[in-house]
Amino acid sequence: MQLDHYEQLTFDGLLPRNVDVWVPSAYAENVDCAFPVIYMHDGQNLFEPEKAYTGVTWGVAEAIERLSTEGRIEPAIVVGIWNTENRFGDYQPTRPFHTPKGERIVKRMERRKGMGDVKFSADQYLRFIVESLKPMIDGNYRTKPDLHNTFIMGSSMGGLISLYAICEHPQVFGGAGCVSPHWPAVKWVILPYLQDHLPSPEDHRIYFDHGTVDLDKSYGRWQKKVDAVMLNKGYQPEVGWLTRVYKGDRHHEECWQARIEVPLTFLLGK
């Protein structure tokens, strides 16, 4: 296994951020092969416990090695994009708020205590991934760059930005892993946006899940509404779309680590 670290990458309008690139052991063992890529948010929480917020990682590297050794998935490269102090602004989808109702909600948000320094920059953040980071990864690693082998994943607000990414850049991302997406941040605007912007179910896969404790206990109501939109747009359960509920799971890396094999298998499964 190999973990490369890139310091303070910049892109117009965004705060500099670090990026980790993990490559599976199969990368060195099969020098003529190219690999799928998963772009993951909150990158400091993925690989090294001493850098993770809670001291617990997602265990994504270990899971990919285990699942690929068992022949259940194709081994993949993981690009961990660190967040910054503008995490909420980078991960909050913006286009769903481009309606009269959405604009009123944004104005109320901007008046809240502590929101004055937030810069809503999700579109720039996705441009950073698509226009700057992905070309760098494809140019320096043996990747399969097509949409069928390019995925994006995150938890909480990272789950929202992953869904937003596959909607806004369906020609780039073929699959999104939305783990415990924080629906309250977009609950009044997300349904009409998805109705208009979900990508074709013919060549895209989307995974959702949530627990039932602490923050996650409020997600079920809205997830059911999103699921109804998925059905309406032609997504087939267990085929192009998967929603899972984990009773007793809380909003924490320990729980996301425990179930990481499910979205990985859904997105990368052979």
C-alpha atoms as a PDB file:
ATOM      1  CA  MET A   1       0.000   0.000   0.000  1.00  0.00           C
ATOM      2  CA  GLN A   2       1.119   3.550  -0.726  1.00  0.00           C
ATOM      3  CA  LEU A   3      -0.093   6.839   0.762  1.00  0.00           C
ATOM      4  CA  ASP A   4       1.015  10.049  -0.955  1.00  0.00           C
ATOM      5  CA  HIS A   5       0.432  13.425   0.680  1.00  0.00           C
ATOM      6  CA  TYR A   6       0.024  16.714  -1.185  1.00  0.00           C
ATOM      7  CA  GLU A   7       0.212  19.959   0.793  1.00  0.00           C
ATOM      8  CA  GLN A   8      -1.969  23.042   0.432  1.00  0.00           C
ATOM      9  CA  LEU A   9      -3.382  22.616  -3.058  1.00  0.00           C
ATOM     10  CA  THR A  10      -5.046  25.786  -4.262  1.00  0.00           C
ATOM     11  CA  PHE A  11      -7.877  26.693  -6.598  1.00  0.00           C
ATOM     12  CA  ASP A  12      -9.440  30.043  -7.387  1.00  0.00           C
ATOM     13  CA  GLY A  13     -11.777  31.180  -4.618  1.00  0.00           C
ATOM     14  CA  LEU A  14     -11.068  28.302  -2.220  1.00  0.00           C
ATOM     15  CA  LEU A  15      -8.945  27.951   0.886  1.00  0.00           C
ATOM     16  CA  PRO A  16      -5.830  25.795   0.337  1.00  0.00           C
ATOM     17  CA  ARG A  17      -6.244  22.182   1.359  1.00  0.00           C
ATOM     18  CA  ASN A  18      -4.233  18.987   1.686  1.00  0.00           C
ATOM     19  CA  VAL A  19      -4.939  15.862  -0.334  1.00  0.00           C
ATOM     20  CA  ASP A  20      -3.977  12.251   0.400  1.00  0.00           C
ATOM     21  CA  VAL A  21      -3.780   9.642  -2.341  1.00  0.00           C
ATOM     22  CA  TRP A  22      -3.893   5.993  -1.313  1.00  0.00           C
ATOM     23  CA  VAL A  23      -3.133   3.237  -3.792  1.00  0.00           C
ATOM     24  CA  PRO A  24      -3.890  -0.441  -3.102  1.00  0.00           C
ATOM     25  CA  SER A  25      -1.226  -3.147  -2.978  1.00  0.00           C
ATOM     26  CA  ALA A  26      -2.519  -4.428  -6.333  1.00  0.00           C
ATOM     27  CA  TYR A  27      -1.237  -1.199  -7.907  1.00  0.00           C
ATOM     28  CA  ALA A  28       2.393  -2.236  -7.405  1.00  0.00           C
ATOM     29  CA  GLU A  29       1.697  -5.886  -8.125  1.00  0.00           C
ATOM     30  CA  ASN A  30       0.005  -5.237 -11.483  1.00  0.00           C
ATOM     31  CA  VAL A  31       2.066  -2.552 -13.179  1.00  0.00           C
ATOM     32  CA  ASP A  32       0.189  -2.839 -16.479  1.00  0.00           C
ATOM     33  CA  CYS A  33      -3.252  -2.310 -14.918  1.00  0.00           C
ATOM     34  CA  ALA A  34      -5.278   0.861 -14.419  1.00  0.00           C
ATOM     35  CA  PHE A  35      -7.603   1.406 -11.473  1.00  0.00           C
ATOM     36  CA  PRO A  36     -10.909   3.094 -10.591  1.00  0.00           C
ATOM     37  CA  VAL A  37     -10.763   6.168  -8.361  1.00  0.00           C
ATOM     38  CA  ILE A  38     -12.933   7.198  -5.404  1.00  0.00           C
ATOM     39  CA  TYR A  39     -12.773  10.866  -4.396  1.00  0.00           C
ATOM     40  CA  MET A  40     -13.644  11.196  -0.703  1.00  0.00           C
ATOM     41  CA  HIS A  41     -14.314  14.274   1.422  1.00  0.00           C
ATOM     42  CA  ASP A  42     -13.029  14.967   4.962  1.00  0.00           C
ATOM     43  CA  GLY A  43      -9.807  13.319   3.858  1.00  0.00           C
ATOM     44  CA  GLN A  44      -8.035  13.659   7.201  1.00  0.00           C
ATOM     45  CA  ASN A  45     -10.518  11.158   8.647  1.00  0.00           C
ATOM     46  CA  LEU A  46      -9.800   8.356   6.196  1.00  0.00           C
ATOM     47  CA  PHE A  47      -6.409   6.758   6.761  1.00  0.00           C
ATOM     48  CA  GLU A  48      -4.471   7.826   9.864  1.00  0.00           C
ATOM     49  CA  PRO A  49      -6.113   7.761  13.321  1.00  0.00           C
ATOM     50  CA  GLU A  50      -3.797  10.440  14.686  1.00  0.00           C
ATOM     51  CA  LYS A  51      -5.141  12.916  12.089  1.00  0.00           C
ATOM     52  CA  ALA A  52      -8.812  11.948  12.350  1.00  0.00           C
ATOM     53  CA  TYR A  53     -11.175  14.177  14.358  1.00  0.00           C
ATOM     54  CA  THR A  54     -12.279  11.407  16.673  1.00  0.00           C
ATOM     55  CA  GLY A  55      -9.171   9.247  16.490  1.00  0.00           C
ATOM     56  CA  VAL A  56     -11.130   6.779  14.348  1.00  0.00           C
ATOM     57  CA  THR A  57     -10.742   6.462  10.564  1.00  0.00           C
ATOM     58  CA  TRP A  58     -13.165   5.169   7.996  1.00  0.00           C
ATOM     59  CA  GLY A  59     -10.965   2.105   7.512  1.00  0.00           C
ATOM     60  CA  VAL A  60     -11.476   2.504   3.769  1.00  0.00           C
ATOM     61  CA  ALA A  61      -7.992   1.281   2.839  1.00  0.00           C
ATOM     62  CA  GLU A  62      -8.336  -1.854   4.915  1.00  0.00           C
ATOM     63  CA  ALA A  63     -11.806  -2.512   3.522  1.00  0.00           C
ATOM     64  CA  ILE A  64     -10.704  -2.169  -0.098  1.00  0.00           C
ATOM     65  CA  GLU A  65      -7.782  -4.528   0.454  1.00  0.00           C
ATOM     66  CA  ARG A  66     -10.038  -7.056   2.173  1.00  0.00           C
ATOM     67  CA  LEU A  67     -12.864  -6.902  -0.364  1.00  0.00           C
ATOM     68  CA  SER A  68     -10.573  -6.981  -3.396  1.00  0.00           C
ATOM     69  CA  THR A  69      -8.608  -9.934  -1.981  1.00  0.00           C
ATOM     70  CA  GLU A  70     -11.920 -11.763  -1.587  1.00  0.00           C
ATOM     71  CA  GLY A  71     -12.759 -10.939  -5.200  1.00  0.00           C
ATOM     72  CA  ARG A  72     -15.840  -8.949  -4.279  1.00  0.00           C
ATOM     73  CA  ILE A  73     -14.702  -5.592  -5.693  1.00  0.00           C
ATOM     74  CA  GLU A  74     -12.133  -4.182  -8.067  1.00  0.00           C
ATOM     75  CA  PRO A  75      -9.280  -2.543  -6.108  1.00  0.00           C
ATOM     76  CA  ALA A  76      -9.442   1.251  -6.324  1.00  0.00           C
ATOM     77  CA  ILE A  77      -7.349   4.327  -5.683  1.00  0.00           C
ATOM     78  CA  VAL A  78      -8.743   6.604  -2.961  1.00  0.00           C
ATOM     79  CA  VAL A  79      -8.227  10.382  -3.078  1.00  0.00           C
ATOM     80  CA  GLY A  80      -8.855  11.920   0.345  1.00  0.00           C
ATOM     81  CA  ILE A  81      -9.609  15.637   0.061  1.00  0.00           C
ATOM     82  CA  TRP A  82      -9.102  17.374   3.404  1.00  0.00           C
ATOM     83  CA  ASN A  83     -11.689  19.868   4.545  1.00  0.00           C
ATOM     84  CA  THR A  84     -10.927  23.423   5.676  1.00  0.00           C
ATOM     85  CA  GLU A  85     -12.440  25.851   8.168  1.00  0.00           C
ATOM     86  CA  ASN A  86     -15.009  26.616   5.434  1.00  0.00           C
ATOM     87  CA  ARG A  87     -16.222  23.012   5.437  1.00  0.00           C
ATOM     88  CA  PHE A  88     -19.923  23.889   5.644  1.00  0.00           C
ATOM     89  CA  GLY A  89     -19.637  26.396   2.809  1.00  0.00           C
ATOM     90  CA  ASP A  90     -17.691  24.013   0.591  1.00  0.00           C
ATOM     91  CA  TYR A  91     -20.088  21.129   1.138  1.00  0.00           C
ATOM     92  CA  GLN A  92     -23.449  22.942   1.117  1.00  0.00           C
ATOM     93  CA  PRO A  93     -25.055  22.491  -2.339  1.00  0.00           C
ATOM     94  CA  THR A  94     -25.906  25.868  -3.843  1.00  0.00           C
ATOM     95  CA  ARG A  95     -28.100  25.395  -6.920  1.00  0.00           C
ATOM     96  CA  PRO A  96     -31.016  23.893  -4.946  1.00  0.00           C
ATOM     97  CA  PHE A  97     -31.276  27.333  -3.307  1.00  0.00           C
ATOM     98  CA  HIS A  98     -31.558  29.182  -6.634  1.00  0.00           C
ATOM     99  CA  THR A  99     -35.287  29.667  -6.226  1.00  0.00           C
ATOM    100  CA  PRO A 100     -37.243  32.445  -4.474  1.00  0.00           C
ATOM    101  CA  LYS A 101     -37.847  30.150  -1.502  1.00  0.00           C
ATOM    102  CA  GLY A 102     -34.233  29.031  -1.451  1.00  0.00           C
ATOM    103  CA  GLU A 103     -32.945  32.587  -1.538  1.00  0.00           C
ATOM    104  CA  ARG A 104     -35.082  33.481   1.488  1.00  0.00           C
ATOM    105  CA  ILE A 105     -33.641  30.487   3.356  1.00  0.00           C
ATOM    106  CA  VAL A 106     -30.079  31.557   2.500  1.00  0.00           C
ATOM    107  CA  LYS A 107     -30.727  35.078   3.783  1.00  0.00           C
ATOM    108  CA  ARG A 108     -31.992  33.642   7.076  1.00  0.00           C
ATOM    109  CA  MET A 109     -28.936  31.400   7.293  1.00  0.00           C
ATOM    110  CA  GLU A 110     -26.606  34.336   6.707  1.00  0.00           C
ATOM    111  CA  ARG A 111     -28.176  36.219   9.617  1.00  0.00           C
ATOM    112  CA  ARG A 112     -27.539  33.386  12.061  1.00  0.00           C
ATOM    113  CA  LYS A 113     -24.831  33.764  14.655  1.00  0.00           C
ATOM    114  CA  GLY A 114     -21.575  32.286  13.426  1.00  0.00           C
ATOM    115  CA  MET A 115     -22.617  32.146   9.757  1.00  0.00           C
ATOM    116  CA  GLY A 116     -21.135  35.481   8.751  1.00  0.00           C
ATOM    117  CA  ASP A 117     -17.775  34.021   7.761  1.00  0.00           C
ATOM    118  CA  VAL A 118     -19.170  31.125   5.740  1.00  0.00           C
ATOM    119  CA  LYS A 119     -18.546  31.341   2.008  1.00  0.00           C
ATOM    120  CA  PHE A 120     -20.931  29.189   0.005  1.00  0.00           C
ATOM    121  CA  SER A 121     -18.482  27.705  -2.484  1.00  0.00           C
ATOM    122  CA  ALA A 122     -19.707  24.221  -3.382  1.00  0.00           C
ATOM    123  CA  ASP A 123     -19.608  24.922  -7.109  1.00  0.00           C
ATOM    124  CA  GLN A 124     -15.996  26.103  -6.873  1.00  0.00           C
ATOM    125  CA  TYR A 125     -15.122  23.088  -4.724  1.00  0.00           C
ATOM    126  CA  LEU A 126     -16.501  20.716  -7.349  1.00  0.00           C
ATOM    127  CA  ARG A 127     -14.682  22.620 -10.079  1.00  0.00           C
ATOM    128  CA  PHE A 128     -11.480  22.122  -8.083  1.00  0.00           C
ATOM    129  CA  ILE A 129     -12.068  18.369  -8.099  1.00  0.00           C
ATOM    130  CA  VAL A 130     -13.140  18.139 -11.745  1.00  0.00           C
ATOM    131  CA  GLU A 131     -10.843  20.701 -13.377  1.00  0.00           C
ATOM    132  CA  SER A 132      -7.724  20.565 -11.214  1.00  0.00           C
ATOM    133  CA  LEU A 133      -7.499  17.551  -8.926  1.00  0.00           C
ATOM    134  CA  LYS A 134      -8.824  14.842 -11.249  1.00  0.00           C
ATOM    135  CA  PRO A 135      -6.491  15.822 -14.121  1.00  0.00           C
ATOM    136  CA  MET A 136      -3.584  15.732 -11.655  1.00  0.00           C
ATOM    137  CA  ILE A 137      -4.576  12.270 -10.413  1.00  0.00           C
ATOM    138  CA  ASP A 138      -5.162  10.921 -13.918  1.00  0.00           C
ATOM    139  CA  GLY A 139      -1.828  12.362 -15.046  1.00  0.00           C
ATOM    140  CA  ASN A 140       0.225  10.917 -12.183  1.00  0.00           C
ATOM    141  CA  TYR A 141      -1.450   7.589 -11.463  1.00  0.00           C
ATOM    142  CA  ARG A 142      -2.665   4.696 -13.580  1.00  0.00           C
ATOM    143  CA  THR A 143      -6.371   5.406 -13.468  1.00  0.00           C
ATOM    144  CA  LYS A 144      -9.463   4.480 -15.422  1.00  0.00           C
ATOM    145  CA  PRO A 145     -10.655   8.045 -15.984  1.00  0.00           C
ATOM    146  CA  ASP A 146     -14.114   7.396 -17.439  1.00  0.00           C
ATOM    147  CA  LEU A 147     -17.317   8.008 -15.493  1.00  0.00           C
ATOM    148  CA  HIS A 148     -17.930   4.288 -14.964  1.00  0.00           C
ATOM    149  CA  ASN A 149     -14.747   4.155 -12.887  1.00  0.00           C
ATOM    150  CA  THR A 150     -14.896   7.527 -11.123  1.00  0.00           C
ATOM    151  CA  PHE A 151     -16.776   7.782  -7.835  1.00  0.00           C
ATOM    152  CA  ILE A 152     -17.320  10.303  -5.070  1.00  0.00           C
ATOM    153  CA  MET A 153     -18.200   9.664  -1.426  1.00  0.00           C
ATOM    154  CA  GLY A 154     -18.593  11.372   1.924  1.00  0.00           C
ATOM    155  CA  SER A 155     -20.584  11.489   5.144  1.00  0.00           C
ATOM    156  CA  SER A 156     -22.941  14.052   6.641  1.00  0.00           C
ATOM    157  CA  MET A 157     -22.364  17.297   4.672  1.00  0.00           C
ATOM    158  CA  GLY A 158     -19.902  15.226   2.660  1.00  0.00           C
ATOM    159  CA  GLY A 159     -22.823  12.997   1.699  1.00  0.00           C
ATOM    160  CA  LEU A 160     -24.730  16.016   0.408  1.00  0.00           C
ATOM    161  CA  ILE A 161     -21.835  17.320  -1.680  1.00  0.00           C
ATOM    162  CA  SER A 162     -21.342  13.839  -3.144  1.00  0.00           C
ATOM    163  CA  LEU A 163     -24.957  13.758  -4.305  1.00  0.00           C
ATOM    164  CA  TYR A 164     -24.597  17.298  -5.629  1.00  0.00           C
ATOM    165  CA  ALA A 165     -21.424  16.301  -7.501  1.00  0.00           C
ATOM    166  CA  ILE A 166     -23.050  13.462  -9.433  1.00  0.00           C
ATOM    167  CA  CYS A 167     -25.978  15.732 -10.309  1.00  0.00           C
ATOM    168  CA  GLU A 168     -23.837  18.656 -11.436  1.00  0.00           C
ATOM    169  CA  HIS A 169     -21.099  16.616 -13.141  1.00  0.00           C
ATOM    170  CA  PRO A 170     -22.787  13.429 -14.393  1.00  0.00           C
ATOM    171  CA  GLN A 171     -20.250  13.163 -17.215  1.00  0.00           C
ATOM    172  CA  VAL A 172     -17.445  12.821 -14.624  1.00  0.00           C
ATOM    173  CA  PHE A 173     -18.882  10.757 -11.751  1.00  0.00           C
ATOM    174  CA  GLY A 174     -20.612   7.447 -12.348  1.00  0.00           C
ATOM    175  CA  GLY A 175     -21.366   6.708  -8.703  1.00  0.00           C
ATOM    176  CA  ALA A 176     -21.899   8.533  -5.416  1.00  0.00           C
ATOM    177  CA  GLY A 177     -21.735   7.202  -1.877  1.00  0.00           C
ATOM    178  CA  CYS A 178     -23.897   9.392   0.373  1.00  0.00           C
ATOM    179  CA  VAL A 179     -23.311   8.191   3.932  1.00  0.00           C
ATOM    180  CA  SER A 180     -25.583   9.739   6.591  1.00  0.00           C
ATOM    181  CA  PRO A 181     -26.313  12.751   4.350  1.00  0.00           C
ATOM    182  CA  HIS A 182     -27.309  15.734   6.469  1.00  0.00           C
ATOM    183  CA  TRP A 183     -30.751  16.357   4.948  1.00  0.00           C
ATOM    184  CA  PRO A 184     -31.719  19.145   7.386  1.00  0.00           C
ATOM    185  CA  ALA A 185     -29.276  21.465   5.578  1.00  0.00           C
ATOM    186  CA  VAL A 186     -31.274  21.181   2.339  1.00  0.00           C
ATOM    187  CA  LYS A 187     -34.607  19.721   3.387  1.00  0.00           C
ATOM    188  CA  TRP A 188     -36.822  22.464   1.970  1.00  0.00           C
ATOM    189  CA  VAL A 189     -35.115  22.657  -1.437  1.00  0.00           C
ATOM    190  CA  ILE A 190     -33.550  19.297  -2.305  1.00  0.00           C
ATOM    191  CA  LEU A 191     -36.575  17.429  -3.694  1.00  0.00           C
ATOM    192  CA  PRO A 192     -37.396  19.710  -6.657  1.00  0.00           C
ATOM    193  CA  TYR A 193     -33.678  20.006  -7.407  1.00  0.00           C
ATOM    194  CA  LEU A 194     -33.303  16.211  -7.585  1.00  0.00           C
ATOM    195  CA  GLN A 195     -36.430  15.915  -9.689  1.00  0.00           C
ATOM    196  CA  ASP A 196     -34.799  18.188 -12.266  1.00  0.00           C
ATOM    197  CA  HIS A 197     -31.125  17.236 -11.961  1.00  0.00           C
ATOM    198  CA  LEU A 198     -30.679  13.574 -11.054  1.00  0.00           C
ATOM    199  CA  PRO A 199     -28.456  11.928 -13.685  1.00  0.00           C
ATOM    200  CA  SER A 200     -29.618   9.072 -15.876  1.00  0.00           C
ATOM    201  CA  PRO A 201     -30.119   5.796 -14.028  1.00  0.00           C
ATOM    202  CA  GLU A 202     -28.759   4.000 -17.096  1.00  0.00           C
ATOM    203  CA  ASP A 203     -25.128   4.711 -16.192  1.00  0.00           C
ATOM    204  CA  HIS A 204     -25.083   6.080 -12.636  1.00  0.00           C
ATOM    205  CA  ARG A 205     -25.287   4.489  -9.186  1.00  0.00           C
ATOM    206  CA  ILE A 206     -26.194   6.255  -5.951  1.00  0.00           C
ATOM    207  CA  TYR A 207     -25.921   4.875  -2.414  1.00  0.00           C
ATOM    208  CA  PHE A 208     -27.646   6.334   0.677  1.00  0.00           C
ATOM    209  CA  ASP A 209     -27.675   5.244   4.290  1.00  0.00           C
ATOM    210  CA  HIS A 210     -28.294   6.536   7.792  1.00  0.00           C
ATOM    211  CA  GLY A 211     -28.450   5.389  11.387  1.00  0.00           C
ATOM    212  CA  THR A 212     -31.208   5.993  13.918  1.00  0.00           C
ATOM    213  CA  VAL A 213     -29.396   7.703  16.821  1.00  0.00           C
ATOM    214  CA  ASP A 214     -28.377  11.345  17.523  1.00  0.00           C
ATOM    215  CA  LEU A 215     -28.154  13.419  14.306  1.00  0.00           C
ATOM    216  CA  ASP A 216     -29.098  10.461  12.160  1.00  0.00           C
ATOM    217  CA  LYS A 217     -32.464   9.982  13.866  1.00  0.00           C
ATOM    218  CA  SER A 218     -33.844  12.978  11.920  1.00  0.00           C
ATOM    219  CA  TYR A 219     -32.741  11.676   8.526  1.00  0.00           C
ATOM    220  CA  GLY A 220     -35.274   8.910   7.916  1.00  0.00           C
ATOM    221  CA  ARG A 221     -38.205  11.176   7.118  1.00  0.00           C
ATOM    222  CA  TRP A 222     -36.312  13.034   4.421  1.00  0.00           C
ATOM    223  CA  GLN A 223     -34.562   9.957   3.071  1.00  0.00           C
ATOM    224  CA  LYS A 224     -37.962   8.423   2.343  1.00  0.00           C
ATOM    225  CA  LYS A 225     -38.891  11.510   0.339  1.00  0.00           C
ATOM    226  CA  VAL A 226     -35.622  11.299  -1.604  1.00  0.00           C
ATOM    227  CA  ASP A 227     -36.214   7.593  -2.203  1.00  0.00           C
ATOM    228  CA  ALA A 228     -39.593   8.432  -3.745  1.00  0.00           C
ATOM    229  CA  VAL A 229     -37.878  10.802  -6.171  1.00  0.00           C
ATOM    230  CA  MET A 230     -35.331   8.113  -7.050  1.00  0.00           C
ATOM    231  CA  LEU A 231     -38.143   5.720  -7.947  1.00  0.00           C
ATOM    232  CA  ASN A 232     -39.934   8.389  -9.922  1.00  0.00           C
ATOM    233  CA  LYS A 233     -36.778   9.072 -11.949  1.00  0.00           C
ATOM    234  CA  GLY A 234     -36.415   5.429 -12.911  1.00  0.00           C
ATOM    235  CA  TYR A 235     -33.773   4.186 -10.464  1.00  0.00           C
ATOM    236  CA  GLN A 236     -34.157   0.513  -9.594  1.00  0.00           C
ATOM    237  CA  PRO A 237     -33.593  -0.453  -5.945  1.00  0.00           C
ATOM    238  CA  GLU A 238     -30.569  -2.714  -5.431  1.00  0.00           C
ATOM    239  CA  VAL A 239     -29.435  -2.017  -9.018  1.00  0.00           C
ATOM    240  CA  GLY A 240     -28.691   1.656  -9.661  1.00  0.00           C
ATOM    241  CA  TRP A 241     -29.685   2.834  -6.228  1.00  0.00           C
ATOM    242  CA  LEU A 242     -29.404   1.505  -2.709  1.00  0.00           C
ATOM    243  CA  THR A 243     -30.721   2.911   0.594  1.00  0.00           C
ATOM    244  CA  ARG A 244     -29.834   1.248   3.888  1.00  0.00           C
ATOM    245  CA  VAL A 245     -30.964   2.038   7.445  1.00  0.00           C
ATOM    246  CA  TYR A 246     -28.720   0.915  10.321  1.00  0.00           C
ATOM    247  CA  LYS A 247     -30.718   0.663  13.520  1.00  0.00           C
ATOM    248  CA  GLY A 248     -28.763   1.899  16.528  1.00  0.00           C
ATOM    249  CA  ASP A 249     -25.980   3.520  14.487  1.00  0.00           C
ATOM    250  CA  ARG A 250     -24.989   7.057  15.413  1.00  0.00           C
ATOM    251  CA  HIS A 251     -23.398   9.904  13.476  1.00  0.00           C
ATOM    252  CA  HIS A 252     -19.788   8.838  13.968  1.00  0.00           C
ATOM    253  CA  GLU A 253     -16.764   7.433  12.142  1.00  0.00           C
ATOM    254  CA  GLU A 254     -16.997   4.214  14.159  1.00  0.00           C
ATOM    255  CA  CYS A 255     -20.352   3.467  12.548  1.00  0.00           C
ATOM    256  CA  TRP A 256     -19.249   4.546   9.076  1.00  0.00           C
ATOM    257  CA  GLN A 257     -16.200   2.308   9.377  1.00  0.00           C
ATOM    258  CA  ALA A 258     -18.374  -0.629  10.455  1.00  0.00           C
ATOM    259  CA  ARG A 259     -20.525  -0.388   7.315  1.00  0.00           C
ATOM    260  CA  ILE A 260     -18.007   0.928   4.759  1.00  0.00           C
ATOM    261  CA  GLU A 261     -18.007  -2.410   2.931  1.00  0.00           C
ATOM    262  CA  VAL A 262     -21.618  -1.881   1.824  1.00  0.00           C
ATOM    263  CA  PRO A 263     -21.158   1.294  -0.262  1.00  0.00           C
ATOM    264  CA  LEU A 264     -17.784   0.063  -1.525  1.00  0.00           C
ATOM    265  CA  THR A 265     -19.322  -3.179  -2.749  1.00  0.00           C
ATOM    266  CA  PHE A 266     -22.262  -1.363  -4.306  1.00  0.00           C
ATOM    267  CA  LEU A 267     -20.036   1.063  -6.203  1.00  0.00           C
ATOM    268  CA  LEU A 268     -17.066  -1.176  -7.020  1.00  0.00           C
ATOM    269  CA  GLY A 269     -18.621  -4.626  -6.975  1.00  0.00           C
ATOM    270  CA  LYS A 270     -17.768  -7.019  -9.755  1.00  0.00           C
END
